[in-house]
Amino acid sequence: MIRFDNITKIFRTPAGNKVIADNINMTFPTGKAVGLLGRNGAGKTTLMKMIGGTIKPDTGRIERTGTISWPVGFAGSFNRDMTGSQNTKFIARVYGVDTEELADYVQDFAELGHHFYNPVRSYSAGMKSRLAFGVSIGIPFDTYLVDEVTSVGDAAFKRKSRMAFTDRMKTAGAVVVTHSTAQIRKLCDAGAILENGQLTYYDDVEDAIEQHHINMGSDEDE
């Protein structure tokens, strides 16, 4: 369960105030995969970061039950001088999971071959993304935060990522941000729309997508 209790977040810019959240009171039920929809610049990623705790609201609080992941696939926190294997085992220790079990899973999933034992500074952007996704999905969180989860790698790896994520969703919830309503349909069973600082929850993802298209004035993706 994720509950927003009087959440307000405003960014001050040279062009004026940008309201991301305007006294939001809302609950995402336990075990739901919620697709977060809204216009470009509405603040979806900021809202996700507030859920994850990396950005604080100006007022109010967010109550969370169970464990919540960092954004799935985020590679920014790796130690560049450590190998993929060392980074994986370090993260396993931080989150209290078996180090060897997670390392074996990530090595197989990320398809890095011998590069898994090379420093991350030698990785391409794609290799870091595959490592990050493998580590993210390899830890059994209660709720996953997902930002463009299927944008990593080639077509085969994207399919593999979707299958792994779908398998996790059998026992977990999620908050998913993506520009693709087709992906929202595949990954989510509920939806929420962020519009002008207001957050509206829909128990049926199709209702959320329909309203999003009305807001956008189109039946196409953003």
C-alpha atoms as a PDB file:
ATOM      1  CA  MET A   1       0.000   0.000   0.000  1.00  0.00           C
ATOM      2  CA  ILE A   2       1.185   3.510  -0.867  1.00  0.00           C
ATOM      3  CA  ARG A   3      -0.772   6.362   0.683  1.00  0.00           C
ATOM      4  CA  PHE A   4      -0.333  10.029  -0.148  1.00  0.00           C
ATOM      5  CA  ASP A   5      -1.300  12.211   2.803  1.00  0.00           C
ATOM      6  CA  ASN A   6      -1.659  15.908   1.887  1.00  0.00           C
ATOM      7  CA  ILE A   7       1.297  15.777  -0.517  1.00  0.00           C
ATOM      8  CA  THR A   8       2.389  19.058  -2.068  1.00  0.00           C
ATOM      9  CA  LYS A   9       5.446  19.590  -4.273  1.00  0.00           C
ATOM     10  CA  ILE A  10       6.245  22.819  -6.108  1.00  0.00           C
ATOM     11  CA  PHE A  11       9.371  23.705  -8.083  1.00  0.00           C
ATOM     12  CA  ARG A  12      10.328  27.373  -8.342  1.00  0.00           C
ATOM     13  CA  THR A  13      11.550  28.231 -11.847  1.00  0.00           C
ATOM     14  CA  PRO A  14      12.418  31.485 -13.664  1.00  0.00           C
ATOM     15  CA  ALA A  15       9.149  31.079 -15.564  1.00  0.00           C
ATOM     16  CA  GLY A  16       7.154  30.759 -12.342  1.00  0.00           C
ATOM     17  CA  ASN A  17       6.031  27.976 -10.022  1.00  0.00           C
ATOM     18  CA  LYS A  18       5.694  24.464 -11.424  1.00  0.00           C
ATOM     19  CA  VAL A  19       3.114  22.556  -9.363  1.00  0.00           C
ATOM     20  CA  ILE A  20       3.781  18.801  -9.349  1.00  0.00           C
ATOM     21  CA  ALA A  21       1.483  17.829  -6.477  1.00  0.00           C
ATOM     22  CA  ASP A  22      -1.262  20.013  -5.032  1.00  0.00           C
ATOM     23  CA  ASN A  23      -2.390  18.582  -1.693  1.00  0.00           C
ATOM     24  CA  ILE A  24      -2.746  15.020  -3.010  1.00  0.00           C
ATOM     25  CA  ASN A  25      -4.638  12.494  -0.886  1.00  0.00           C
ATOM     26  CA  MET A  26      -4.670   9.101  -2.562  1.00  0.00           C
ATOM     27  CA  THR A  27      -4.026   5.389  -1.890  1.00  0.00           C
ATOM     28  CA  PHE A  28      -2.535   2.806  -4.236  1.00  0.00           C
ATOM     29  CA  PRO A  29      -3.776  -0.581  -2.926  1.00  0.00           C
ATOM     30  CA  THR A  30      -1.382  -3.380  -2.015  1.00  0.00           C
ATOM     31  CA  GLY A  31      -0.486  -5.716  -4.873  1.00  0.00           C
ATOM     32  CA  LYS A  32      -1.702  -3.461  -7.696  1.00  0.00           C
ATOM     33  CA  ALA A  33       0.411  -2.639 -10.750  1.00  0.00           C
ATOM     34  CA  VAL A  34      -0.479   1.020 -11.304  1.00  0.00           C
ATOM     35  CA  GLY A  35       0.302   2.749 -14.591  1.00  0.00           C
ATOM     36  CA  LEU A  36       1.103   6.408 -13.922  1.00  0.00           C
ATOM     37  CA  LEU A  37      -0.125   8.534 -16.828  1.00  0.00           C
ATOM     38  CA  GLY A  38       0.099  12.230 -17.591  1.00  0.00           C
ATOM     39  CA  ARG A  39       1.388  14.810 -20.009  1.00  0.00           C
ATOM     40  CA  ASN A  40       5.081  15.328 -20.686  1.00  0.00           C
ATOM     41  CA  GLY A  41       6.351  17.478 -17.841  1.00  0.00           C
ATOM     42  CA  ALA A  42       3.432  16.720 -15.539  1.00  0.00           C
ATOM     43  CA  GLY A  43       5.823  15.398 -12.901  1.00  0.00           C
ATOM     44  CA  LYS A  44       5.387  11.605 -13.136  1.00  0.00           C
ATOM     45  CA  THR A  45       9.061  10.826 -12.552  1.00  0.00           C
ATOM     46  CA  THR A  46       9.205  13.321  -9.679  1.00  0.00           C
ATOM     47  CA  LEU A  47       6.173  11.668  -8.096  1.00  0.00           C
ATOM     48  CA  MET A  48       7.847   8.264  -8.461  1.00  0.00           C
ATOM     49  CA  LYS A  49      10.993   9.595  -6.805  1.00  0.00           C
ATOM     50  CA  MET A  50       8.887  10.890  -3.914  1.00  0.00           C
ATOM     51  CA  ILE A  51       7.383   7.418  -3.548  1.00  0.00           C
ATOM     52  CA  GLY A  52      10.898   5.962  -3.505  1.00  0.00           C
ATOM     53  CA  GLY A  53      12.078   8.528  -0.978  1.00  0.00           C
ATOM     54  CA  THR A  54      14.807  10.166  -3.088  1.00  0.00           C
ATOM     55  CA  ILE A  55      12.835  13.429  -3.329  1.00  0.00           C
ATOM     56  CA  LYS A  56      10.924  14.849  -0.372  1.00  0.00           C
ATOM     57  CA  PRO A  57       7.524  16.542  -0.699  1.00  0.00           C
ATOM     58  CA  ASP A  58       7.241  20.146   0.435  1.00  0.00           C
ATOM     59  CA  THR A  59       4.383  19.205   2.747  1.00  0.00           C
ATOM     60  CA  GLY A  60       2.623  15.982   3.741  1.00  0.00           C
ATOM     61  CA  ARG A  61       3.936  12.447   3.913  1.00  0.00           C
ATOM     62  CA  ILE A  62       3.860   9.222   1.932  1.00  0.00           C
ATOM     63  CA  GLU A  63       3.092   6.058   3.903  1.00  0.00           C
ATOM     64  CA  ARG A  64       4.440   2.811   2.469  1.00  0.00           C
ATOM     65  CA  THR A  65       3.963  -0.796   3.521  1.00  0.00           C
ATOM     66  CA  GLY A  66       6.378  -3.538   2.498  1.00  0.00           C
ATOM     67  CA  THR A  67       9.636  -3.092   0.622  1.00  0.00           C
ATOM     68  CA  ILE A  68       9.908  -0.687  -2.321  1.00  0.00           C
ATOM     69  CA  SER A  69      12.576  -0.880  -5.014  1.00  0.00           C
ATOM     70  CA  TRP A  70      14.679   1.887  -6.444  1.00  0.00           C
ATOM     71  CA  PRO A  71      13.623   2.684 -10.046  1.00  0.00           C
ATOM     72  CA  VAL A  72      14.036  -0.579 -11.942  1.00  0.00           C
ATOM     73  CA  GLY A  73      16.978  -0.438 -14.329  1.00  0.00           C
ATOM     74  CA  PHE A  74      18.561   2.676 -12.753  1.00  0.00           C
ATOM     75  CA  ALA A  75      22.327   2.352 -13.200  1.00  0.00           C
ATOM     76  CA  GLY A  76      23.459   5.606 -11.597  1.00  0.00           C
ATOM     77  CA  SER A  77      24.352   4.158  -8.197  1.00  0.00           C
ATOM     78  CA  PHE A  78      26.942   1.592  -9.320  1.00  0.00           C
ATOM     79  CA  ASN A  79      30.538   1.987  -8.134  1.00  0.00           C
ATOM     80  CA  ARG A  80      32.420   2.440 -11.424  1.00  0.00           C
ATOM     81  CA  ASP A  81      35.648   0.958 -10.053  1.00  0.00           C
ATOM     82  CA  MET A  82      33.966  -2.258  -8.869  1.00  0.00           C
ATOM     83  CA  THR A  83      33.058  -5.086 -11.208  1.00  0.00           C
ATOM     84  CA  GLY A  84      29.509  -6.018 -12.107  1.00  0.00           C
ATOM     85  CA  SER A  85      29.841  -9.003  -9.815  1.00  0.00           C
ATOM     86  CA  GLN A  86      31.133  -6.914  -6.898  1.00  0.00           C
ATOM     87  CA  ASN A  87      28.396  -4.316  -7.331  1.00  0.00           C
ATOM     88  CA  THR A  88      25.760  -7.045  -7.404  1.00  0.00           C
ATOM     89  CA  LYS A  89      27.045  -8.694  -4.246  1.00  0.00           C
ATOM     90  CA  PHE A  90      27.317  -5.361  -2.439  1.00  0.00           C
ATOM     91  CA  ILE A  91      23.684  -4.553  -3.259  1.00  0.00           C
ATOM     92  CA  ALA A  92      22.659  -8.052  -2.141  1.00  0.00           C
ATOM     93  CA  ARG A  93      24.239  -7.440   1.266  1.00  0.00           C
ATOM     94  CA  VAL A  94      22.540  -4.036   1.586  1.00  0.00           C
ATOM     95  CA  TYR A  95      19.109  -5.569   0.908  1.00  0.00           C
ATOM     96  CA  GLY A  96      19.705  -8.741   2.917  1.00  0.00           C
ATOM     97  CA  VAL A  97      19.500 -11.298   0.110  1.00  0.00           C
ATOM     98  CA  ASP A  98      21.860 -14.176  -0.661  1.00  0.00           C
ATOM     99  CA  THR A  99      24.922 -12.750  -2.441  1.00  0.00           C
ATOM    100  CA  GLU A 100      25.804 -15.795  -4.530  1.00  0.00           C
ATOM    101  CA  GLU A 101      22.191 -16.449  -5.504  1.00  0.00           C
ATOM    102  CA  LEU A 102      21.708 -12.887  -6.738  1.00  0.00           C
ATOM    103  CA  ALA A 103      25.076 -12.875  -8.520  1.00  0.00           C
ATOM    104  CA  ASP A 104      24.214 -16.110 -10.351  1.00  0.00           C
ATOM    105  CA  TYR A 105      20.807 -14.729 -11.350  1.00  0.00           C
ATOM    106  CA  VAL A 106      22.210 -11.421 -12.617  1.00  0.00           C
ATOM    107  CA  GLN A 107      25.100 -13.037 -14.485  1.00  0.00           C
ATOM    108  CA  ASP A 108      22.663 -15.256 -16.348  1.00  0.00           C
ATOM    109  CA  PHE A 109      20.013 -12.603 -16.889  1.00  0.00           C
ATOM    110  CA  ALA A 110      22.184  -9.655 -17.960  1.00  0.00           C
ATOM    111  CA  GLU A 111      24.117 -11.702 -20.560  1.00  0.00           C
ATOM    112  CA  LEU A 112      27.374  -9.831 -19.908  1.00  0.00           C
ATOM    113  CA  GLY A 113      29.673 -12.843 -20.242  1.00  0.00           C
ATOM    114  CA  HIS A 114      33.191 -12.207 -18.919  1.00  0.00           C
ATOM    115  CA  HIS A 115      32.399  -8.478 -18.633  1.00  0.00           C
ATOM    116  CA  PHE A 116      30.479  -9.306 -15.452  1.00  0.00           C
ATOM    117  CA  TYR A 117      33.943  -9.518 -13.810  1.00  0.00           C
ATOM    118  CA  ASN A 118      35.239  -6.261 -15.321  1.00  0.00           C
ATOM    119  CA  PRO A 119      34.941  -2.787 -13.742  1.00  0.00           C
ATOM    120  CA  VAL A 120      31.659  -1.055 -14.509  1.00  0.00           C
ATOM    121  CA  ARG A 121      33.593   1.940 -15.875  1.00  0.00           C
ATOM    122  CA  SER A 122      34.421  -0.237 -18.901  1.00  0.00           C
ATOM    123  CA  TYR A 123      30.747  -0.957 -19.656  1.00  0.00           C
ATOM    124  CA  SER A 124      28.738   0.578 -22.456  1.00  0.00           C
ATOM    125  CA  ALA A 125      25.469   2.287 -21.531  1.00  0.00           C
ATOM    126  CA  GLY A 126      23.567  -0.784 -22.697  1.00  0.00           C
ATOM    127  CA  MET A 127      25.666  -3.134 -20.570  1.00  0.00           C
ATOM    128  CA  LYS A 128      25.123  -0.975 -17.474  1.00  0.00           C
ATOM    129  CA  SER A 129      21.398  -0.937 -18.169  1.00  0.00           C
ATOM    130  CA  ARG A 130      21.247  -4.728 -18.482  1.00  0.00           C
ATOM    131  CA  LEU A 131      23.201  -5.115 -15.244  1.00  0.00           C
ATOM    132  CA  ALA A 132      20.912  -2.631 -13.490  1.00  0.00           C
ATOM    133  CA  PHE A 133      17.749  -4.336 -14.671  1.00  0.00           C
ATOM    134  CA  GLY A 134      19.046  -7.755 -13.647  1.00  0.00           C
ATOM    135  CA  VAL A 135      19.914  -6.546 -10.134  1.00  0.00           C
ATOM    136  CA  SER A 136      16.606  -4.690  -9.794  1.00  0.00           C
ATOM    137  CA  ILE A 137      14.386  -7.558 -10.835  1.00  0.00           C
ATOM    138  CA  GLY A 138      16.550 -10.136  -9.057  1.00  0.00           C
ATOM    139  CA  ILE A 139      15.564  -8.816  -5.613  1.00  0.00           C
ATOM    140  CA  PRO A 140      12.006  -9.732  -4.521  1.00  0.00           C
ATOM    141  CA  PHE A 141      10.509  -6.371  -3.542  1.00  0.00           C
ATOM    142  CA  ASP A 142       6.863  -5.936  -2.545  1.00  0.00           C
ATOM    143  CA  THR A 143       6.505  -2.945  -4.878  1.00  0.00           C
ATOM    144  CA  TYR A 144       8.620  -2.112  -7.919  1.00  0.00           C
ATOM    145  CA  LEU A 145       9.131   1.412  -9.224  1.00  0.00           C
ATOM    146  CA  VAL A 146       9.449   1.208 -12.994  1.00  0.00           C
ATOM    147  CA  ASP A 147      10.474   3.978 -15.397  1.00  0.00           C
ATOM    148  CA  GLU A 148      10.484   2.832 -19.048  1.00  0.00           C
ATOM    149  CA  VAL A 149      11.342  -0.724 -17.999  1.00  0.00           C
ATOM    150  CA  THR A 150      11.271  -2.202 -21.509  1.00  0.00           C
ATOM    151  CA  SER A 151      13.506   0.421 -23.148  1.00  0.00           C
ATOM    152  CA  VAL A 152      16.680  -1.544 -22.358  1.00  0.00           C
ATOM    153  CA  GLY A 153      18.610  -3.607 -24.905  1.00  0.00           C
ATOM    154  CA  ASP A 154      17.651  -5.232 -28.177  1.00  0.00           C
ATOM    155  CA  ALA A 155      14.269  -6.745 -29.037  1.00  0.00           C
ATOM    156  CA  ALA A 156      15.116 -10.126 -27.509  1.00  0.00           C
ATOM    157  CA  PHE A 157      16.273  -8.572 -24.236  1.00  0.00           C
ATOM    158  CA  LYS A 158      13.176  -6.356 -24.123  1.00  0.00           C
ATOM    159  CA  ARG A 159      10.978  -9.450 -24.402  1.00  0.00           C
ATOM    160  CA  LYS A 160      13.024 -11.156 -21.705  1.00  0.00           C
ATOM    161  CA  SER A 161      12.668  -8.074 -19.467  1.00  0.00           C
ATOM    162  CA  ARG A 162       8.896  -7.948 -19.942  1.00  0.00           C
ATOM    163  CA  MET A 163       8.584 -11.645 -19.102  1.00  0.00           C
ATOM    164  CA  ALA A 164      10.715 -11.266 -15.957  1.00  0.00           C
ATOM    165  CA  PHE A 165       8.745  -8.235 -14.847  1.00  0.00           C
ATOM    166  CA  THR A 166       5.407  -9.952 -15.523  1.00  0.00           C
ATOM    167  CA  ASP A 167       6.557 -12.924 -13.464  1.00  0.00           C
ATOM    168  CA  ARG A 168       7.438 -10.622 -10.542  1.00  0.00           C
ATOM    169  CA  MET A 169       4.004  -9.007 -10.768  1.00  0.00           C
ATOM    170  CA  LYS A 170       2.400 -12.324  -9.775  1.00  0.00           C
ATOM    171  CA  THR A 171       3.487 -11.639  -6.187  1.00  0.00           C
ATOM    172  CA  ALA A 172       4.223  -7.884  -6.135  1.00  0.00           C
ATOM    173  CA  GLY A 173       2.791  -4.489  -6.979  1.00  0.00           C
ATOM    174  CA  ALA A 174       4.304  -1.731  -9.084  1.00  0.00           C
ATOM    175  CA  VAL A 175       4.154   1.886 -10.121  1.00  0.00           C
ATOM    176  CA  VAL A 176       4.943   2.126 -13.831  1.00  0.00           C
ATOM    177  CA  VAL A 177       5.846   5.235 -15.837  1.00  0.00           C
ATOM    178  CA  THR A 178       6.050   4.828 -19.605  1.00  0.00           C
ATOM    179  CA  HIS A 179       5.076   6.853 -22.661  1.00  0.00           C
ATOM    180  CA  SER A 180       3.503   3.744 -24.201  1.00  0.00           C
ATOM    181  CA  THR A 181      -0.117   3.024 -23.335  1.00  0.00           C
ATOM    182  CA  ALA A 182       0.375  -0.359 -25.017  1.00  0.00           C
ATOM    183  CA  GLN A 183       2.971  -1.173 -22.357  1.00  0.00           C
ATOM    184  CA  ILE A 184       0.664   0.138 -19.631  1.00  0.00           C
ATOM    185  CA  ARG A 185      -1.973  -2.322 -20.846  1.00  0.00           C
ATOM    186  CA  LYS A 186       0.510  -5.203 -20.802  1.00  0.00           C
ATOM    187  CA  LEU A 187       2.041  -4.456 -17.409  1.00  0.00           C
ATOM    188  CA  CYS A 188      -0.691  -2.835 -15.311  1.00  0.00           C
ATOM    189  CA  ASP A 189      -4.154  -3.627 -13.970  1.00  0.00           C
ATOM    190  CA  ALA A 190      -4.871  -0.156 -12.530  1.00  0.00           C
ATOM    191  CA  GLY A 191      -4.008   3.392 -13.475  1.00  0.00           C
ATOM    192  CA  ALA A 192      -3.522   6.895 -12.122  1.00  0.00           C
ATOM    193  CA  ILE A 193      -3.425  10.224 -13.935  1.00  0.00           C
ATOM    194  CA  LEU A 194      -1.333  13.189 -12.812  1.00  0.00           C
ATOM    195  CA  GLU A 195      -2.870  16.364 -14.239  1.00  0.00           C
ATOM    196  CA  ASN A 196      -2.256  19.931 -13.029  1.00  0.00           C
ATOM    197  CA  GLY A 197      -1.000  18.715  -9.658  1.00  0.00           C
ATOM    198  CA  GLN A 198      -3.980  16.436  -9.069  1.00  0.00           C
ATOM    199  CA  LEU A 199      -3.732  12.635  -8.939  1.00  0.00           C
ATOM    200  CA  THR A 200      -6.759  10.517  -9.864  1.00  0.00           C
ATOM    201  CA  TYR A 201      -6.771   6.747  -9.310  1.00  0.00           C
ATOM    202  CA  TYR A 202      -8.639   4.259 -11.539  1.00  0.00           C
ATOM    203  CA  ASP A 203      -9.106   0.659 -10.442  1.00  0.00           C
ATOM    204  CA  ASP A 204      -9.471  -0.359 -14.123  1.00  0.00           C
ATOM    205  CA  VAL A 205      -6.458   0.558 -16.251  1.00  0.00           C
ATOM    206  CA  GLU A 206      -8.665   0.945 -19.342  1.00  0.00           C
ATOM    207  CA  ASP A 207     -10.619   3.735 -17.637  1.00  0.00           C
ATOM    208  CA  ALA A 208      -7.347   5.530 -16.891  1.00  0.00           C
ATOM    209  CA  ILE A 209      -6.112   5.174 -20.471  1.00  0.00           C
ATOM    210  CA  GLU A 210      -9.426   6.442 -21.850  1.00  0.00           C
ATOM    211  CA  GLN A 211      -9.334   9.530 -19.629  1.00  0.00           C
ATOM    212  CA  HIS A 212      -5.666  10.119 -20.460  1.00  0.00           C
ATOM    213  CA  HIS A 213      -6.509  10.144 -24.174  1.00  0.00           C
ATOM    214  CA  ILE A 214      -9.327  12.619 -23.505  1.00  0.00           C
ATOM    215  CA  ASN A 215      -6.902  14.863 -21.608  1.00  0.00           C
ATOM    216  CA  MET A 216      -4.401  14.650 -24.460  1.00  0.00           C
ATOM    217  CA  GLY A 217      -7.052  15.234 -27.121  1.00  0.00           C
ATOM    218  CA  SER A 218      -5.906  12.131 -28.968  1.00  0.00           C
ATOM    219  CA  ASP A 219      -6.176   8.364 -28.969  1.00  0.00           C
ATOM    220  CA  GLU A 220      -2.433   8.031 -29.546  1.00  0.00           C
ATOM    221  CA  ASP A 221       0.469   7.717 -27.106  1.00  0.00           C
ATOM    222  CA  GLU A 222       2.155  10.912 -25.894  1.00  0.00           C
END
